[in-house]
Amino acid sequence: MLVKNAVTRTTGASDVNVALNVSGGQSRIVVKTGCDRISKNHSLAAARLAAAVINGDPNVGEHDYLEIDCVTTLQVGFFKSTTSDFFRRTPEEWRSLTQN
């Protein structure tokens, strides 16, 4: 719940979905959200979201990975197109990226 609250408070995040997946002895937090209102550069948007997660949940380091899935949806009439950019790093890798 801390993760979802942190992401939801990020200006521009929309349709936030957070899941915890455990497989093969590894755990990962998966954040799926619309990122275009954060930044058109999804790599930058993912870094901002990761920083929010790291700052909002002191236990994020207990997981092997933090995955950010930036989704873009375009709907015109009945036509709907969805694309996503997926970023997967360890919490430590995200920390080092967001501190620089």
N, C-alpha and C. Protein backbone atom coordinates (compact mmCIF):
# COMPACT_ATOMS: atom_id res chain seq x y z
N MET A 1 0.81 -1.19 0.00
CA MET A 1 0.00 0.00 0.00
C MET A 1 0.86 1.26 0.00
N LEU A 2 2.01 1.22 0.68
CA LEU A 2 2.90 2.37 0.69
C LEU A 2 3.36 2.72 -0.72
N VAL A 3 3.64 1.69 -1.52
CA VAL A 3 4.12 1.92 -2.88
C VAL A 3 3.04 2.62 -3.70
N LYS A 4 1.82 2.11 -3.65
CA LYS A 4 0.74 2.71 -4.45
C LYS A 4 0.50 4.15 -4.02
N ASN A 5 0.52 4.43 -2.73
CA ASN A 5 0.34 5.80 -2.26
C ASN A 5 1.45 6.71 -2.77
N ALA A 6 2.68 6.23 -2.74
CA ALA A 6 3.82 7.04 -3.21
C ALA A 6 3.69 7.34 -4.70
N VAL A 7 3.30 6.34 -5.48
CA VAL A 7 3.16 6.54 -6.93
C VAL A 7 1.98 7.45 -7.23
N THR A 8 0.87 7.26 -6.54
CA THR A 8 -0.32 8.08 -6.76
C THR A 8 -0.05 9.55 -6.47
N ARG A 9 0.81 9.83 -5.49
CA ARG A 9 1.14 11.22 -5.16
C ARG A 9 2.10 11.86 -6.16
N THR A 10 2.67 11.06 -7.05
CA THR A 10 3.57 11.60 -8.07
C THR A 10 2.75 12.38 -9.09
N THR A 11 3.07 13.64 -9.27
CA THR A 11 2.33 14.50 -10.19
C THR A 11 2.32 13.89 -11.59
N GLY A 12 1.12 13.69 -12.13
CA GLY A 12 0.98 13.19 -13.49
C GLY A 12 0.74 11.69 -13.60
N ALA A 13 0.99 10.93 -12.55
CA ALA A 13 0.74 9.48 -12.61
C ALA A 13 -0.75 9.23 -12.74
N SER A 14 -1.11 8.28 -13.60
CA SER A 14 -2.53 7.98 -13.80
C SER A 14 -2.75 6.48 -13.90
N ASP A 15 -3.93 6.05 -13.50
CA ASP A 15 -4.31 4.63 -13.57
C ASP A 15 -3.24 3.74 -12.95
N VAL A 16 -2.92 3.99 -11.69
CA VAL A 16 -1.83 3.29 -11.01
C VAL A 16 -2.25 1.89 -10.60
N ASN A 17 -1.40 0.92 -10.94
CA ASN A 17 -1.59 -0.47 -10.54
C ASN A 17 -0.27 -0.97 -9.98
N VAL A 18 -0.30 -1.53 -8.78
CA VAL A 18 0.92 -2.04 -8.14
C VAL A 18 0.69 -3.50 -7.77
N ALA A 19 1.69 -4.34 -8.07
CA ALA A 19 1.59 -5.76 -7.74
C ALA A 19 2.93 -6.23 -7.16
N LEU A 20 2.85 -7.23 -6.31
CA LEU A 20 4.03 -7.90 -5.80
C LEU A 20 4.04 -9.29 -6.41
N ASN A 21 5.09 -9.61 -7.18
CA ASN A 21 5.21 -10.92 -7.80
C ASN A 21 6.37 -11.67 -7.19
N VAL A 22 6.13 -12.94 -6.86
CA VAL A 22 7.18 -13.80 -6.33
C VAL A 22 7.25 -15.03 -7.22
N SER A 23 8.45 -15.30 -7.72
CA SER A 23 8.64 -16.43 -8.62
C SER A 23 10.09 -16.88 -8.55
N GLY A 24 10.30 -18.17 -8.44
CA GLY A 24 11.66 -18.71 -8.44
C GLY A 24 12.52 -18.16 -7.33
N GLY A 25 11.93 -17.86 -6.20
CA GLY A 25 12.68 -17.35 -5.07
C GLY A 25 13.02 -15.87 -5.16
N GLN A 26 12.55 -15.18 -6.19
CA GLN A 26 12.79 -13.75 -6.33
C GLN A 26 11.47 -13.00 -6.22
N SER A 27 11.55 -11.83 -5.61
CA SER A 27 10.34 -11.00 -5.52
C SER A 27 10.58 -9.68 -6.25
N ARG A 28 9.50 -9.18 -6.80
CA ARG A 28 9.60 -7.91 -7.50
C ARG A 28 8.31 -7.12 -7.31
N ILE A 29 8.49 -5.82 -7.19
CA ILE A 29 7.36 -4.90 -7.17
C ILE A 29 7.17 -4.41 -8.59
N VAL A 30 5.95 -4.51 -9.09
CA VAL A 30 5.65 -4.07 -10.45
C VAL A 30 4.68 -2.89 -10.36
N VAL A 31 5.11 -1.75 -10.90
CA VAL A 31 4.29 -0.54 -10.94
C VAL A 31 3.92 -0.29 -12.39
N LYS A 32 2.62 -0.27 -12.66
CA LYS A 32 2.14 -0.02 -14.02
C LYS A 32 1.27 1.23 -13.96
N THR A 33 1.64 2.24 -14.75
CA THR A 33 0.92 3.50 -14.71
C THR A 33 1.10 4.28 -16.00
N GLY A 34 0.18 5.20 -16.23
CA GLY A 34 0.35 6.13 -17.33
C GLY A 34 1.44 7.12 -16.96
N CYS A 35 2.37 7.36 -17.84
CA CYS A 35 3.53 8.21 -17.53
C CYS A 35 3.59 9.49 -18.35
N ASP A 36 2.79 9.62 -19.39
CA ASP A 36 2.94 10.75 -20.30
C ASP A 36 2.78 12.11 -19.63
N ARG A 37 1.96 12.18 -18.58
CA ARG A 37 1.79 13.47 -17.90
C ARG A 37 2.93 13.74 -16.92
N ILE A 38 3.76 12.73 -16.65
CA ILE A 38 4.96 12.92 -15.83
C ILE A 38 6.06 13.45 -16.74
N SER A 39 6.29 12.74 -17.84
CA SER A 39 7.28 13.15 -18.83
C SER A 39 7.06 12.33 -20.10
N LYS A 40 7.22 12.96 -21.26
CA LYS A 40 7.16 12.22 -22.52
C LYS A 40 8.34 11.27 -22.64
N ASN A 41 9.42 11.58 -21.93
CA ASN A 41 10.58 10.70 -21.86
C ASN A 41 10.30 9.67 -20.77
N HIS A 42 9.90 8.48 -21.17
CA HIS A 42 9.49 7.46 -20.21
C HIS A 42 10.63 6.98 -19.31
N SER A 43 11.85 7.06 -19.78
CA SER A 43 12.98 6.71 -18.93
C SER A 43 13.07 7.67 -17.74
N LEU A 44 12.87 8.95 -18.00
CA LEU A 44 12.87 9.95 -16.94
C LEU A 44 11.66 9.77 -16.03
N ALA A 45 10.50 9.50 -16.61
CA ALA A 45 9.29 9.26 -15.81
C ALA A 45 9.47 8.06 -14.90
N ALA A 46 10.06 6.98 -15.42
CA ALA A 46 10.30 5.78 -14.61
C ALA A 46 11.23 6.09 -13.45
N ALA A 47 12.26 6.88 -13.69
CA ALA A 47 13.20 7.25 -12.63
C ALA A 47 12.48 8.06 -11.54
N ARG A 48 11.60 8.97 -11.95
CA ARG A 48 10.84 9.75 -10.96
C ARG A 48 9.92 8.85 -10.14
N LEU A 49 9.28 7.90 -10.80
CA LEU A 49 8.40 6.97 -10.09
C LEU A 49 9.20 6.08 -9.15
N ALA A 50 10.34 5.60 -9.60
CA ALA A 50 11.19 4.76 -8.75
C ALA A 50 11.64 5.53 -7.53
N ALA A 51 12.01 6.79 -7.70
CA ALA A 51 12.42 7.63 -6.57
C ALA A 51 11.27 7.77 -5.57
N ALA A 52 10.04 7.95 -6.08
CA ALA A 52 8.88 8.06 -5.20
C ALA A 52 8.67 6.77 -4.42
N VAL A 53 8.83 5.63 -5.09
CA VAL A 53 8.67 4.33 -4.42
C VAL A 53 9.73 4.16 -3.34
N ILE A 54 10.98 4.44 -3.69
CA ILE A 54 12.08 4.28 -2.74
C ILE A 54 11.90 5.19 -1.53
N ASN A 55 11.47 6.42 -1.76
CA ASN A 55 11.26 7.36 -0.67
C ASN A 55 10.00 7.05 0.13
N GLY A 56 9.02 6.41 -0.50
CA GLY A 56 7.74 6.15 0.14
C GLY A 56 7.64 4.83 0.88
N ASP A 57 8.50 3.88 0.56
CA ASP A 57 8.44 2.56 1.20
C ASP A 57 9.82 2.15 1.68
N PRO A 58 10.06 2.20 2.98
CA PRO A 58 11.39 1.86 3.50
C PRO A 58 11.77 0.39 3.30
N ASN A 59 10.81 -0.45 2.95
CA ASN A 59 11.08 -1.88 2.78
C ASN A 59 11.31 -2.30 1.33
N VAL A 60 11.36 -1.34 0.42
CA VAL A 60 11.50 -1.69 -1.00
C VAL A 60 12.80 -2.46 -1.26
N GLY A 61 13.82 -2.21 -0.47
CA GLY A 61 15.10 -2.89 -0.65
C GLY A 61 15.05 -4.38 -0.34
N GLU A 62 13.98 -4.85 0.27
CA GLU A 62 13.82 -6.27 0.57
C GLU A 62 13.47 -7.08 -0.68
N HIS A 63 13.13 -6.39 -1.75
CA HIS A 63 12.74 -7.07 -2.98
C HIS A 63 13.90 -7.08 -3.97
N ASP A 64 13.91 -8.08 -4.82
CA ASP A 64 15.00 -8.22 -5.79
C ASP A 64 14.94 -7.18 -6.89
N TYR A 65 13.73 -6.84 -7.33
CA TYR A 65 13.57 -5.91 -8.44
C TYR A 65 12.43 -4.94 -8.20
N LEU A 66 12.55 -3.78 -8.81
CA LEU A 66 11.48 -2.81 -8.90
C LEU A 66 11.28 -2.56 -10.39
N GLU A 67 10.09 -2.88 -10.87
CA GLU A 67 9.79 -2.73 -12.30
C GLU A 67 8.78 -1.61 -12.49
N ILE A 68 9.07 -0.75 -13.44
CA ILE A 68 8.17 0.35 -13.78
C ILE A 68 7.72 0.14 -15.22
N ASP A 69 6.43 0.08 -15.43
CA ASP A 69 5.85 -0.10 -16.77
C ASP A 69 5.07 1.16 -17.11
N CYS A 70 5.62 1.98 -18.01
CA CYS A 70 4.98 3.23 -18.42
C CYS A 70 4.07 2.94 -19.61
N VAL A 71 2.79 3.19 -19.42
CA VAL A 71 1.78 2.85 -20.42
C VAL A 71 1.26 4.12 -21.10
N THR A 72 1.14 4.04 -22.41
CA THR A 72 0.53 5.12 -23.19
C THR A 72 -0.66 4.54 -23.93
N THR A 73 -1.81 5.17 -23.76
CA THR A 73 -3.02 4.72 -24.44
C THR A 73 -3.57 5.85 -25.30
N LEU A 74 -3.87 5.51 -26.53
CA LEU A 74 -4.48 6.46 -27.46
C LEU A 74 -5.81 5.88 -27.89
N GLN A 75 -6.87 6.65 -27.69
CA GLN A 75 -8.19 6.18 -28.11
C GLN A 75 -8.85 7.23 -28.97
N VAL A 76 -9.25 6.80 -30.17
CA VAL A 76 -9.97 7.66 -31.10
C VAL A 76 -11.19 6.87 -31.55
N GLY A 77 -12.36 7.30 -31.10
CA GLY A 77 -13.57 6.56 -31.43
C GLY A 77 -13.49 5.15 -30.86
N PHE A 78 -13.67 4.16 -31.73
CA PHE A 78 -13.61 2.77 -31.30
C PHE A 78 -12.20 2.22 -31.30
N PHE A 79 -11.28 2.94 -31.91
CA PHE A 79 -9.90 2.49 -32.02
C PHE A 79 -9.14 2.81 -30.73
N LYS A 80 -8.46 1.81 -30.20
CA LYS A 80 -7.68 2.00 -28.98
C LYS A 80 -6.32 1.33 -29.17
N SER A 81 -5.28 2.09 -28.94
CA SER A 81 -3.92 1.59 -29.07
C SER A 81 -3.19 1.78 -27.75
N THR A 82 -2.53 0.73 -27.27
CA THR A 82 -1.78 0.80 -26.02
C THR A 82 -0.36 0.33 -26.26
N THR A 83 0.59 1.13 -25.81
CA THR A 83 2.00 0.75 -25.87
C THR A 83 2.58 0.95 -24.48
N SER A 84 3.71 0.29 -24.23
CA SER A 84 4.34 0.49 -22.93
C SER A 84 5.85 0.39 -23.04
N ASP A 85 6.51 1.09 -22.14
CA ASP A 85 7.95 1.01 -21.98
C ASP A 85 8.22 0.44 -20.60
N PHE A 86 9.03 -0.59 -20.56
CA PHE A 86 9.22 -1.38 -19.36
C PHE A 86 10.65 -1.19 -18.85
N PHE A 87 10.79 -0.86 -17.57
CA PHE A 87 12.10 -0.64 -16.96
C PHE A 87 12.22 -1.52 -15.72
N ARG A 88 13.28 -2.33 -15.67
CA ARG A 88 13.47 -3.27 -14.56
C ARG A 88 14.88 -3.11 -14.01
N ARG A 89 14.96 -2.78 -12.71
CA ARG A 89 16.24 -2.63 -12.05
C ARG A 89 16.10 -3.07 -10.60
N THR A 90 17.23 -3.32 -9.96
CA THR A 90 17.19 -3.59 -8.52
C THR A 90 16.93 -2.27 -7.80
N PRO A 91 16.43 -2.33 -6.57
CA PRO A 91 16.25 -1.07 -5.82
C PRO A 91 17.56 -0.28 -5.70
N GLU A 92 18.68 -0.96 -5.54
CA GLU A 92 19.97 -0.26 -5.44
C GLU A 92 20.33 0.43 -6.75
N GLU A 93 20.07 -0.22 -7.87
CA GLU A 93 20.34 0.42 -9.17
C GLU A 93 19.47 1.67 -9.34
N TRP A 94 18.19 1.58 -8.95
CA TRP A 94 17.31 2.74 -9.04
C TRP A 94 17.84 3.85 -8.14
N ARG A 95 18.25 3.50 -6.91
CA ARG A 95 18.78 4.50 -5.99
C ARG A 95 19.94 5.26 -6.59
N SER A 96 20.88 4.52 -7.18
CA SER A 96 22.07 5.18 -7.75
C SER A 96 21.68 6.06 -8.95
N LEU A 97 20.69 5.65 -9.73
CA LEU A 97 20.23 6.46 -10.86
C LEU A 97 19.53 7.74 -10.41
N THR A 98 18.74 7.63 -9.36
CA THR A 98 17.95 8.78 -8.94
C THR A 98 18.74 9.74 -8.06
N GLN A 99 19.88 9.33 -7.57
CA GLN A 99 20.70 10.22 -6.74
C GLN A 99 21.69 11.03 -7.59
N ASN A 100 21.85 10.66 -8.84
CA ASN A 100 22.78 11.39 -9.70
C ASN A 100 22.12 12.49 -10.47
